[in-house]
Amino acid sequence: MKVALFFSSLLALGTVVAAPPNVLFICVDDLKPVLGCYGDAVAKTPNLDRLAGRGVRFDAAYCNQAVCSPSRNALMTSLRPQTLGIYELSTNFRKAAPEAVTVAQHFKAQGYRTEAMGKIFHRGHGNIEDAASWSVPHWNPKAETYALAESKANLREGRNGARGPATELADVDDAFYADGLIAREAARRLEAAAATPDQPFFLAVGFIRPHLPFVAPKKYWDLYDPATLPMPKVTDPPAGAPAYAGQFGGELRQYNDMPAQGDLDPVATRRLIHGYYAATSYMDAQVGLVLGALARHGLADNTIVMLWGDHGWHLGDHRFWCKHTNYEQAARIPLLLAGPGIARGATTPALVETVDLYPTLTELAGLPARAGLDGVSFAPVLKDPARAARDSVIHVYPRNDLLGRAIRTERYRLVEWKKIGAPAGTAELELYDYQTDPLETRNLASEQPEVVAQLRAILAQHPEAKPQLRVADGDKAGKAKGKKAGSGKKAAAKTPPAA
């Protein structure tokens, strides 16, 4: 209880000090910036819009890899996927970095009570929760994925469990689905925290939607007229790009109403886009419930609120679906921060990466900085949003036996595809200019060698990536435990692990 004891001692001496700030750490699965506060004229997201109105909205925030587990590892450890050597879902980060101190652990060591509910670390696919990060055991809701009998019929067996349809519209209460239960549990935890004001908290709340399947109560579907929803503007992969750089929705095609291959027809495309918006509005309402509890219990003025999406999502652009690429729609994320010392109603073009959140929260809370992190604090930007944070960000995605390492600057993205450890001369390259071609219609790498050279010089400043960590056959106890806890076939038929 270092923080509480320290401040109690100062108060006993008559010293007037500000209480240490709490942290409300909200993670949202598969959320791209299709939000009202990001200028989306269709999205109905009033609660996230209000949060942006009392904080800072980041317009150039990027994940470190567009898939759940590596992205969340980067958030919690401030170590990039290429630093850990983990690019997939099943390898726990402690296999690569057993002595890593997560952001929650760091706050816990400084006297914070750390609690988590919902999806914070990736669980499933053999991966497990990180007990060392939390003061009390992680809480997960017991909820079914689907409400309707027809949704539960004829499940399609796949490599990650049994799947029903990709969408569900059911006239049910918000608390039927997992996110409604998570929000209500978070509200209860905030009420309990208000009763012990001398104990600072780090409360991590992980919402599942809009991750597939796009399930949401009917009232959120009814917010949208399907005929007015935005449809993909670009329906071909970037001209001149390597064929392997894109993907065509393998995750989506595990659902029983999706074709195994080939293009989706316009009716299915519109239904999926409708479902994504409905699920986003449903999640927004649950965030509103949590933020309402924060305000109702008098905690808002001294709580740093961070809302982060773990990666973006392709909604049919380039004929791509889901995440799993290095392109803008998969790599760019929403990021909102509000709280004491943070500018209100501001936007910033500052380039930031997911790994930067750990050192930023540490600085905002006045905790000791930790060495050995990949991230850098952007706390100064939160006071002066006109300031820069980085000149570029880096993110990665593996494909076949290659790793695509991407450098994103304010104007350009370069992707270098090669085997890890192979000479740079063996790489295949992509270059996109977001000033002249914001929708990535054409690979310009062969046409602009000077720009390529400039961006490769930035890439050369980064260490070579580590190869994927291979866990020895005799070291799978943790994986087996994770499967027993909820990734077996029976459990997957109810709530298959999210990717």
Protein backbone atom coordinates (compact mmCIF):
# COMPACT_ATOMS: atom_id res chain seq x y z
CA MET A 1 0.00 0.00 0.00
CA LYS A 2 2.87 2.35 -0.80
CA VAL A 3 0.79 5.13 -2.32
CA ALA A 4 -1.88 5.15 0.38
CA LEU A 5 0.65 5.03 3.24
CA PHE A 6 2.77 7.77 1.70
CA PHE A 7 -0.14 10.15 1.28
CA SER A 8 -1.55 9.29 4.72
CA SER A 9 1.82 10.22 6.24
CA LEU A 10 1.86 13.55 4.44
CA LEU A 11 -1.66 14.33 5.59
CA ALA A 12 -0.69 13.48 9.19
CA LEU A 13 2.09 16.06 8.90
CA GLY A 14 -0.40 18.66 7.73
CA THR A 15 0.89 18.68 4.18
CA VAL A 16 -1.78 19.35 1.54
CA VAL A 17 -1.30 17.00 -1.40
CA ALA A 18 -3.38 15.87 -4.33
CA ALA A 19 -4.61 12.31 -4.11
CA PRO A 20 -2.99 9.92 -6.58
CA PRO A 21 -5.15 9.61 -9.69
CA ASN A 22 -7.14 6.48 -10.36
CA VAL A 23 -7.01 4.78 -13.76
CA LEU A 24 -10.00 3.47 -15.70
CA PHE A 25 -8.45 1.38 -18.45
CA ILE A 26 -11.05 0.54 -21.15
CA CYS A 27 -10.08 -1.89 -23.91
CA VAL A 28 -12.38 -2.55 -26.87
CA ASP A 29 -12.01 -5.50 -29.22
CA ASP A 30 -11.80 -4.89 -33.00
CA LEU A 31 -12.88 -1.25 -32.72
CA LYS A 32 -11.89 0.95 -35.65
CA PRO A 33 -12.47 4.74 -35.56
CA VAL A 34 -16.04 4.55 -36.92
CA LEU A 35 -17.23 6.82 -34.13
CA GLY A 36 -19.07 10.10 -34.11
CA CYS A 37 -16.15 11.81 -32.39
CA TYR A 38 -13.91 10.71 -35.29
CA GLY A 39 -16.21 12.35 -37.82
CA ASP A 40 -18.28 9.33 -38.81
CA ALA A 41 -21.64 10.88 -39.70
CA VAL A 42 -23.48 7.55 -39.43
CA ALA A 43 -22.16 6.16 -36.13
CA LYS A 44 -24.33 6.52 -33.03
CA THR A 45 -21.75 6.65 -30.25
CA PRO A 46 -22.84 9.41 -27.85
CA ASN A 47 -20.91 8.14 -24.83
CA LEU A 48 -17.55 7.87 -26.56
CA ASP A 49 -18.25 11.23 -28.17
CA ARG A 50 -18.79 12.80 -24.73
CA LEU A 51 -15.59 11.19 -23.46
CA ALA A 52 -13.69 12.70 -26.39
CA GLY A 53 -15.31 16.04 -25.58
CA ARG A 54 -13.73 16.11 -22.15
CA GLY A 55 -10.33 14.76 -23.20
CA VAL A 56 -7.95 14.29 -26.12
CA ARG A 57 -8.71 12.34 -29.29
CA PHE A 58 -5.73 10.85 -31.10
CA ASP A 59 -6.09 10.86 -34.88
CA ALA A 60 -2.85 9.00 -35.66
CA ALA A 61 -2.73 6.16 -33.13
CA TYR A 62 -1.63 2.73 -34.36
CA CYS A 63 -1.52 -0.76 -32.94
CA ASN A 64 1.73 -2.72 -33.04
CA GLN A 65 0.15 -5.71 -34.76
CA ALA A 66 -3.39 -6.09 -36.05
CA VAL A 67 -4.38 -9.19 -34.10
CA CYS A 68 -5.60 -9.52 -30.54
CA SER A 69 -2.91 -11.22 -28.48
CA PRO A 70 0.23 -9.47 -29.81
CA SER A 71 -1.56 -6.12 -29.68
CA ARG A 72 -2.62 -6.65 -26.08
CA ASN A 73 0.84 -7.87 -25.13
CA ALA A 74 2.19 -4.60 -26.50
CA LEU A 75 -0.33 -2.61 -24.45
CA MET A 76 0.34 -4.41 -21.19
CA THR A 77 4.12 -4.85 -21.41
CA SER A 78 5.22 -1.98 -23.68
CA LEU A 79 7.16 -4.56 -25.66
CA ARG A 80 6.48 -4.86 -29.38
CA PRO A 81 5.69 -8.22 -31.01
CA GLN A 82 9.10 -8.23 -32.70
CA THR A 83 10.77 -7.65 -29.32
CA LEU A 84 8.93 -10.55 -27.70
CA GLY A 85 8.98 -12.78 -30.76
CA ILE A 86 5.24 -13.47 -30.47
CA TYR A 87 3.03 -12.88 -33.50
CA GLU A 88 0.22 -15.38 -32.87
CA LEU A 89 -2.54 -16.10 -30.37
CA SER A 90 -1.43 -19.15 -28.42
CA THR A 91 1.97 -18.21 -26.93
CA ASN A 92 1.77 -16.47 -23.58
CA PHE A 93 4.00 -13.41 -23.30
CA ARG A 94 5.70 -14.77 -20.18
CA LYS A 95 7.21 -17.57 -22.25
CA ALA A 96 9.26 -14.86 -23.94
CA ALA A 97 9.64 -12.41 -21.06
CA PRO A 98 9.03 -14.19 -17.74
CA GLU A 99 10.29 -11.22 -15.70
CA ALA A 100 8.27 -8.59 -17.55
CA VAL A 101 6.38 -6.17 -15.31
CA THR A 102 3.05 -5.31 -16.88
CA VAL A 103 1.53 -1.86 -16.57
CA ALA A 104 -1.00 -3.26 -14.08
CA GLN A 105 1.79 -4.92 -12.08
CA HIS A 106 3.69 -1.65 -11.98
CA PHE A 107 0.68 0.20 -10.57
CA LYS A 108 0.05 -2.66 -8.15
CA ALA A 109 3.64 -2.46 -6.86
CA GLN A 110 3.12 1.24 -6.18
CA GLY A 111 0.09 0.62 -3.96
CA TYR A 112 -2.77 0.58 -6.44
CA ARG A 113 -5.55 -1.98 -6.28
CA THR A 114 -5.58 -3.54 -9.74
CA GLU A 115 -8.68 -5.30 -11.01
CA ALA A 116 -9.72 -6.62 -14.42
CA MET A 117 -12.85 -7.87 -16.09
CA GLY A 118 -13.65 -8.93 -19.63
CA LYS A 119 -11.00 -9.09 -22.32
CA ILE A 120 -7.72 -7.42 -21.31
CA PHE A 121 -5.07 -10.03 -22.11
CA HIS A 122 -5.97 -12.49 -24.85
CA ARG A 123 -7.49 -15.63 -23.38
CA GLY A 124 -8.28 -18.74 -25.38
CA HIS A 125 -6.48 -20.54 -28.20
CA GLY A 126 -4.41 -22.03 -25.37
CA ASN A 127 -3.44 -18.64 -23.93
CA ILE A 128 -4.20 -17.71 -20.32
CA GLU A 129 -4.80 -14.74 -18.04
CA ASP A 130 -1.89 -13.11 -16.16
CA ALA A 131 -2.67 -13.50 -12.46
CA ALA A 132 0.41 -11.51 -11.39
CA SER A 133 -1.12 -8.34 -12.84
CA TRP A 134 -4.17 -8.23 -10.61
CA SER A 135 -4.82 -7.72 -6.91
CA VAL A 136 -7.83 -10.01 -7.14
CA PRO A 137 -8.61 -12.74 -9.68
CA HIS A 138 -9.65 -11.60 -13.14
CA TRP A 139 -13.44 -11.65 -13.63
CA ASN A 140 -15.08 -12.97 -16.77
CA PRO A 141 -18.85 -13.01 -17.45
CA LYS A 142 -20.83 -16.18 -17.92
CA ALA A 143 -22.82 -15.35 -21.00
CA GLU A 144 -23.93 -17.09 -24.15
CA THR A 145 -22.81 -15.75 -27.51
CA TYR A 146 -26.25 -16.09 -29.12
CA ALA A 147 -29.78 -15.48 -27.87
CA LEU A 148 -31.86 -17.03 -30.66
CA ALA A 149 -32.47 -20.74 -31.12
CA GLU A 150 -31.84 -20.45 -34.86
CA SER A 151 -28.46 -18.87 -34.16
CA LYS A 152 -27.47 -21.86 -32.03
CA ALA A 153 -28.55 -24.44 -34.61
CA ASN A 154 -26.27 -26.03 -37.18
CA LEU A 155 -23.05 -24.64 -35.75
CA ARG A 156 -20.07 -24.88 -38.07
CA GLU A 157 -17.14 -26.71 -36.53
CA GLY A 158 -13.81 -25.02 -37.20
CA ARG A 159 -10.27 -24.92 -35.96
CA ASN A 160 -11.23 -22.48 -33.18
CA GLY A 161 -14.50 -24.04 -32.09
CA ALA A 162 -18.09 -24.07 -33.29
CA ARG A 163 -19.55 -20.97 -34.91
CA GLY A 164 -23.06 -19.83 -35.64
CA PRO A 165 -24.01 -16.87 -37.85
CA ALA A 166 -21.83 -13.79 -38.18
CA THR A 167 -24.65 -11.52 -36.94
CA GLU A 168 -27.61 -11.72 -34.59
CA LEU A 169 -30.48 -9.31 -34.07
CA ALA A 170 -32.39 -10.30 -30.93
CA ASP A 171 -34.87 -8.36 -28.82
CA VAL A 172 -33.05 -8.90 -25.53
CA ASP A 173 -31.82 -6.81 -22.63
CA ASP A 174 -28.30 -5.36 -22.76
CA ALA A 175 -27.28 -7.65 -19.91
CA PHE A 176 -28.01 -10.80 -21.93
CA TYR A 177 -24.71 -10.51 -23.79
CA ALA A 178 -21.28 -10.45 -22.18
CA ASP A 179 -20.58 -6.73 -22.57
CA GLY A 180 -23.69 -5.80 -20.61
CA LEU A 181 -22.56 -8.00 -17.74
CA ILE A 182 -19.03 -6.60 -17.88
CA ALA A 183 -20.34 -3.03 -17.67
CA ARG A 184 -22.52 -3.84 -14.67
CA GLU A 185 -19.67 -5.54 -12.87
CA ALA A 186 -17.44 -2.53 -13.56
CA ALA A 187 -20.10 -0.24 -12.11
CA ARG A 188 -20.21 -2.40 -8.96
CA ARG A 189 -16.43 -2.23 -8.65
CA LEU A 190 -16.51 1.56 -8.96
CA GLU A 191 -19.14 1.79 -6.23
CA ALA A 192 -16.89 -0.30 -3.98
CA ALA A 193 -13.87 1.83 -4.86
CA ALA A 194 -15.74 4.99 -3.88
CA ALA A 195 -16.19 3.56 -0.39
CA THR A 196 -12.38 3.41 0.09
CA PRO A 197 -11.19 6.80 -1.24
CA ASP A 198 -7.70 6.43 0.22
CA GLN A 199 -7.06 3.37 -1.98
CA PRO A 200 -6.22 4.33 -5.60
CA PHE A 201 -7.41 1.90 -8.23
CA PHE A 202 -6.41 0.68 -11.66
CA LEU A 203 -9.59 -0.81 -13.10
CA ALA A 204 -9.26 -2.59 -16.46
CA VAL A 205 -12.53 -3.14 -18.34
CA GLY A 206 -12.41 -5.12 -21.57
CA PHE A 207 -15.40 -5.05 -23.94
CA ILE A 208 -15.78 -7.75 -26.60
CA ARG A 209 -17.95 -6.04 -29.21
CA PRO A 210 -17.66 -5.16 -32.02
CA HIS A 211 -15.66 -8.38 -32.38
CA LEU A 212 -17.37 -11.08 -34.43
CA PRO A 213 -20.05 -12.28 -34.24
CA PHE A 214 -21.84 -8.94 -34.50
CA VAL A 215 -24.49 -9.58 -31.87
CA ALA A 216 -26.41 -6.73 -30.26
CA PRO A 217 -29.89 -6.10 -28.88
CA LYS A 218 -32.45 -5.07 -31.48
CA LYS A 219 -32.63 -1.45 -30.34
CA TYR A 220 -29.04 -0.88 -31.51
CA TRP A 221 -29.75 -2.34 -34.94
CA ASP A 222 -32.77 -0.04 -35.11
CA LEU A 223 -30.54 3.02 -34.77
CA TYR A 224 -29.43 2.55 -38.38
CA ASP A 225 -31.14 2.61 -41.75
CA PRO A 226 -29.27 -0.08 -43.71
CA ALA A 227 -29.76 1.86 -46.95
CA THR A 228 -27.70 4.79 -45.62
CA LEU A 229 -24.74 2.79 -44.32
CA PRO A 230 -21.37 3.50 -45.96
CA MET A 231 -20.34 0.75 -48.38
CA PRO A 232 -16.73 0.04 -49.44
CA LYS A 233 -15.34 2.66 -51.82
CA VAL A 234 -12.38 0.58 -53.01
CA THR A 235 -13.14 -3.03 -53.83
CA ASP A 236 -9.84 -4.19 -55.34
CA PRO A 237 -6.54 -4.91 -53.56
CA PRO A 238 -3.88 -2.24 -54.05
CA ALA A 239 -2.46 -2.39 -57.56
CA GLY A 240 1.08 -3.71 -57.57
CA ALA A 241 0.95 -5.03 -53.99
CA PRO A 242 2.12 -8.56 -53.19
CA ALA A 243 -0.83 -10.94 -53.34
CA TYR A 244 -0.01 -12.24 -49.86
CA ALA A 245 -0.15 -8.76 -48.26
CA GLY A 246 -3.92 -8.79 -48.09
CA GLN A 247 -6.38 -11.28 -46.69
CA PHE A 248 -9.92 -12.17 -47.55
CA GLY A 249 -11.58 -12.82 -44.23
CA GLY A 250 -10.54 -16.25 -43.03
CA GLU A 251 -11.82 -15.43 -39.54
CA LEU A 252 -15.19 -14.31 -40.89
CA ARG A 253 -15.56 -17.42 -43.03
CA GLN A 254 -15.62 -19.65 -39.98
CA TYR A 255 -19.22 -18.50 -39.35
CA ASN A 256 -21.94 -20.76 -40.67
CA ASP A 257 -23.70 -18.20 -42.89
CA MET A 258 -20.54 -17.03 -44.66
CA PRO A 259 -19.16 -18.53 -47.89
CA ALA A 260 -15.95 -20.50 -47.46
CA GLN A 261 -14.33 -18.58 -50.30
CA GLY A 262 -15.09 -15.98 -52.94
CA ASP A 263 -16.47 -12.47 -52.69
CA LEU A 264 -19.34 -11.58 -50.39
CA ASP A 265 -22.43 -10.37 -52.18
CA PRO A 266 -23.78 -6.84 -51.57
CA VAL A 267 -26.56 -8.09 -49.30
CA ALA A 268 -24.13 -9.88 -46.97
CA THR A 269 -21.75 -6.92 -47.09
CA ARG A 270 -24.48 -4.50 -46.03
CA ARG A 271 -25.69 -6.84 -43.27
CA LEU A 272 -22.17 -7.17 -41.85
CA ILE A 273 -21.60 -3.42 -41.93
CA HIS A 274 -24.97 -2.92 -40.23
CA GLY A 275 -23.98 -5.48 -37.60
CA TYR A 276 -20.63 -3.80 -36.99
CA TYR A 277 -22.28 -0.43 -36.40
CA ALA A 278 -24.98 -1.96 -34.19
CA ALA A 279 -22.40 -3.82 -32.08
CA THR A 280 -20.36 -0.62 -31.79
CA SER A 281 -23.39 1.30 -30.53
CA TYR A 282 -24.13 -1.49 -28.06
CA MET A 283 -20.58 -1.30 -26.74
CA ASP A 284 -20.85 2.50 -26.55
CA ALA A 285 -23.91 2.18 -24.33
CA GLN A 286 -22.01 -0.13 -21.98
CA VAL A 287 -19.12 2.34 -21.79
CA GLY A 288 -21.72 4.97 -20.95
CA LEU A 289 -22.96 2.87 -18.06
CA VAL A 290 -19.42 2.63 -16.67
CA LEU A 291 -18.67 6.32 -17.13
CA GLY A 292 -22.00 7.14 -15.51
CA ALA A 293 -21.02 5.11 -12.46
CA LEU A 294 -17.65 6.88 -12.35
CA ALA A 295 -19.39 10.26 -12.24
CA ARG A 296 -22.21 9.17 -9.92
CA HIS A 297 -19.75 8.02 -7.28
CA GLY A 298 -17.69 11.21 -7.41
CA LEU A 299 -14.65 9.59 -9.01
CA ALA A 300 -14.50 11.30 -12.41
CA ASP A 301 -12.44 14.35 -11.42
CA ASN A 302 -9.52 12.26 -10.17
CA THR A 303 -9.57 9.38 -12.63
CA ILE A 304 -7.53 9.04 -15.81
CA VAL A 305 -9.82 7.42 -18.37
CA MET A 306 -8.17 5.69 -21.31
CA LEU A 307 -10.21 4.08 -24.09
CA TRP A 308 -8.25 2.05 -26.63
CA GLY A 309 -9.13 -0.21 -29.55
CA ASP A 310 -6.76 -3.14 -29.95
CA HIS A 311 -6.66 -2.78 -33.76
CA GLY A 312 -8.84 -1.75 -36.67
CA TRP A 313 -10.99 -3.85 -38.96
CA HIS A 314 -11.56 -4.20 -42.69
CA LEU A 315 -15.23 -3.85 -43.62
CA GLY A 316 -14.96 -5.00 -47.22
CA ASP A 317 -12.47 -2.39 -48.39
CA HIS A 318 -10.11 -3.92 -50.98
CA ARG A 319 -12.34 -7.03 -50.62
CA PHE A 320 -10.66 -7.51 -47.21
CA TRP A 321 -12.52 -8.49 -44.05
CA CYS A 322 -11.36 -8.61 -40.41
CA LYS A 323 -7.90 -7.43 -39.35
CA HIS A 324 -4.66 -9.34 -40.06
CA THR A 325 -2.95 -6.87 -42.43
CA ASN A 326 -0.54 -3.94 -42.36
CA TYR A 327 -3.01 -1.62 -44.11
CA GLU A 328 -4.53 1.52 -42.62
CA GLN A 329 -7.95 0.06 -41.87
CA ALA A 330 -6.39 -2.69 -39.76
CA ALA A 331 -3.55 -0.77 -38.11
CA ARG A 332 -5.16 2.54 -37.15
CA ILE A 333 -6.97 2.57 -33.82
CA PRO A 334 -9.19 4.89 -31.78
CA LEU A 335 -7.54 6.32 -28.67
CA LEU A 336 -9.18 8.67 -26.17
CA LEU A 337 -7.77 9.95 -22.88
CA ALA A 338 -9.42 12.22 -20.32
CA GLY A 339 -8.78 13.15 -16.71
CA PRO A 340 -6.80 15.42 -14.42
CA GLY A 341 -4.13 17.42 -16.21
CA ILE A 342 -5.39 16.41 -19.66
CA ALA A 343 -6.63 18.98 -22.18
CA ARG A 344 -10.39 19.02 -22.76
CA GLY A 345 -12.15 18.68 -26.11
CA ALA A 346 -8.89 18.52 -28.04
CA THR A 347 -7.63 16.52 -31.00
CA THR A 348 -4.06 15.74 -31.88
CA PRO A 349 -2.28 14.50 -35.01
CA ALA A 350 0.57 13.13 -32.88
CA LEU A 351 1.78 9.72 -34.02
CA VAL A 352 1.64 7.19 -31.19
CA GLU A 353 1.84 3.41 -30.83
CA THR A 354 0.11 1.07 -28.43
CA VAL A 355 3.41 0.49 -26.57
CA ASP A 356 3.43 4.19 -25.63
CA LEU A 357 0.42 3.92 -23.33
CA TYR A 358 2.25 2.17 -20.47
CA PRO A 359 4.90 4.88 -19.97
CA THR A 360 2.30 7.60 -20.54
CA LEU A 361 -0.03 6.34 -17.83
CA THR A 362 2.97 5.90 -15.52
CA GLU A 363 3.98 9.53 -16.01
CA LEU A 364 0.44 10.85 -15.65
CA ALA A 365 0.06 9.03 -12.34
CA GLY A 366 3.41 10.31 -11.06
CA LEU A 367 4.86 6.81 -10.69
CA PRO A 368 8.52 5.93 -11.24
CA ALA A 369 9.37 5.33 -14.90
CA ARG A 370 10.43 1.83 -15.88
CA ALA A 371 13.46 1.09 -18.01
CA GLY A 372 13.58 -1.39 -20.88
CA LEU A 373 10.27 -0.48 -22.50
CA ASP A 374 9.74 0.00 -26.23
CA GLY A 375 7.23 2.78 -25.66
CA VAL A 376 7.81 6.46 -24.98
CA SER A 377 5.51 8.68 -22.94
CA PHE A 378 3.29 11.10 -24.83
CA ALA A 379 2.09 12.78 -21.62
CA PRO A 380 3.27 16.22 -22.88
CA VAL A 381 0.86 15.88 -25.83
CA LEU A 382 -2.04 15.50 -23.41
CA LYS A 383 -1.29 18.93 -22.00
CA ASP A 384 -0.42 20.51 -25.36
CA PRO A 385 -2.07 18.54 -28.20
CA ALA A 386 -0.14 20.53 -30.82
CA ARG A 387 3.10 18.83 -29.74
CA ALA A 388 4.58 15.88 -31.59
CA ALA A 389 5.21 12.51 -29.97
CA ARG A 390 7.08 10.47 -32.62
CA ASP A 391 8.27 11.07 -36.17
CA SER A 392 7.06 7.60 -37.14
CA VAL A 393 5.49 4.46 -35.74
CA ILE A 394 6.23 0.83 -36.51
CA HIS A 395 3.89 -2.15 -36.73
CA VAL A 396 4.20 -5.67 -38.10
CA TYR A 397 2.26 -8.56 -39.53
CA PRO A 398 3.51 -12.06 -40.44
CA ARG A 399 2.44 -13.78 -43.62
CA ASN A 400 3.59 -17.24 -44.67
CA ASP A 401 7.27 -17.33 -43.66
CA LEU A 402 7.71 -13.57 -44.06
CA LEU A 403 7.33 -10.68 -41.65
CA GLY A 404 5.99 -7.39 -42.93
CA ARG A 405 7.50 -4.54 -40.93
CA ALA A 406 5.73 -1.24 -41.58
CA ILE A 407 6.92 2.30 -40.97
CA ARG A 408 4.09 4.85 -40.87
CA THR A 409 4.87 8.56 -40.98
CA GLU A 410 2.43 11.45 -41.20
CA ARG A 411 2.31 11.00 -45.00
CA TYR A 412 3.61 7.56 -45.96
CA ARG A 413 3.61 3.89 -45.07
CA LEU A 414 6.42 1.58 -46.16
CA VAL A 415 6.06 -2.18 -45.67
CA GLU A 416 9.14 -4.37 -45.97
CA TRP A 417 8.34 -8.07 -46.44
CA LYS A 418 11.17 -10.53 -45.86
CA LYS A 419 12.21 -13.52 -43.80
CA ILE A 420 13.39 -12.56 -40.33
CA GLY A 421 17.16 -12.22 -40.43
CA ALA A 422 17.35 -12.20 -44.23
CA PRO A 423 19.28 -9.43 -45.99
CA ALA A 424 17.34 -6.25 -46.73
CA GLY A 425 17.98 -6.79 -50.42
CA THR A 426 15.70 -9.83 -50.41
CA ALA A 427 12.66 -7.81 -49.33
CA GLU A 428 9.54 -7.06 -51.30
CA LEU A 429 8.22 -3.56 -50.66
CA GLU A 430 4.99 -1.62 -50.49
CA LEU A 431 4.72 2.18 -50.37
CA TYR A 432 1.55 4.24 -49.95
CA ASP A 433 1.13 8.02 -50.00
CA TYR A 434 -1.82 9.03 -47.83
CA GLN A 435 -1.73 12.60 -49.07
CA THR A 436 -2.39 11.65 -52.69
CA ASP A 437 -3.92 8.18 -52.25
CA PRO A 438 -5.60 7.87 -48.84
CA LEU A 439 -7.47 4.70 -49.83
CA GLU A 440 -4.32 2.75 -50.77
CA THR A 441 -5.23 2.00 -54.35
CA ARG A 442 -1.66 1.64 -55.66
CA ASN A 443 1.73 0.41 -54.43
CA LEU A 444 4.22 3.20 -55.28
CA ALA A 445 7.42 1.47 -54.13
CA SER A 446 8.89 1.07 -57.64
CA GLU A 447 7.98 4.64 -58.61
CA GLN A 448 9.39 6.58 -55.64
CA PRO A 449 12.81 5.14 -54.76
CA GLU A 450 13.84 8.29 -52.88
CA VAL A 451 10.92 8.01 -50.47
CA VAL A 452 11.55 4.28 -50.09
CA ALA A 453 15.17 4.99 -49.19
CA GLN A 454 14.16 7.57 -46.57
CA LEU A 455 11.70 5.21 -44.91
CA ARG A 456 14.05 2.23 -45.04
CA ALA A 457 16.61 4.37 -43.23
CA ILE A 458 14.05 4.81 -40.43
CA LEU A 459 13.34 1.09 -40.43
CA ALA A 460 17.06 0.36 -40.18
CA GLN A 461 17.12 2.17 -36.83
CA HIS A 462 14.92 -0.58 -35.37
CA PRO A 463 16.43 -3.89 -34.26
CA GLU A 464 15.87 -6.90 -36.46
CA ALA A 465 12.73 -8.73 -35.40
CA LYS A 466 12.92 -11.87 -33.32
CA PRO A 467 11.51 -15.04 -34.86
CA GLN A 468 8.32 -16.54 -33.47
CA LEU A 469 9.04 -18.15 -30.11
CA ARG A 470 8.65 -21.92 -30.24
CA VAL A 471 7.50 -23.39 -26.93
CA ALA A 472 9.09 -26.76 -26.19
CA ASP A 473 6.77 -29.76 -26.11
CA GLY A 474 7.47 -30.23 -22.42
CA ASP A 475 6.49 -26.67 -21.59
CA LYS A 476 2.80 -26.70 -22.39
CA ALA A 477 1.24 -26.89 -18.95
CA GLY A 478 0.01 -23.32 -19.17
CA LYS A 479 -1.53 -23.94 -22.56
CA ALA A 480 -3.29 -27.06 -21.36
CA LYS A 481 -4.63 -25.16 -18.37
CA GLY A 482 -5.93 -22.44 -20.68
CA LYS A 483 -7.73 -24.98 -22.86
CA LYS A 484 -9.31 -26.62 -19.84
CA ALA A 485 -10.52 -23.24 -18.65
CA GLY A 486 -12.57 -22.47 -21.70
CA SER A 487 -11.18 -23.22 -25.13
CA GLY A 488 -12.40 -26.79 -25.47
CA LYS A 489 -15.11 -27.79 -27.92
CA LYS A 490 -17.98 -27.65 -25.47
CA ALA A 491 -17.08 -24.18 -24.20
CA ALA A 492 -16.38 -22.93 -27.71
CA ALA A 493 -19.93 -23.74 -28.79
CA LYS A 494 -21.09 -21.08 -26.32
CA THR A 495 -18.35 -18.49 -26.48
CA PRO A 496 -15.55 -19.31 -28.93
CA PRO A 497 -12.28 -17.56 -28.17
CA ALA A 498 -12.04 -14.18 -29.84
CA ALA A 499 -9.12 -13.54 -32.13
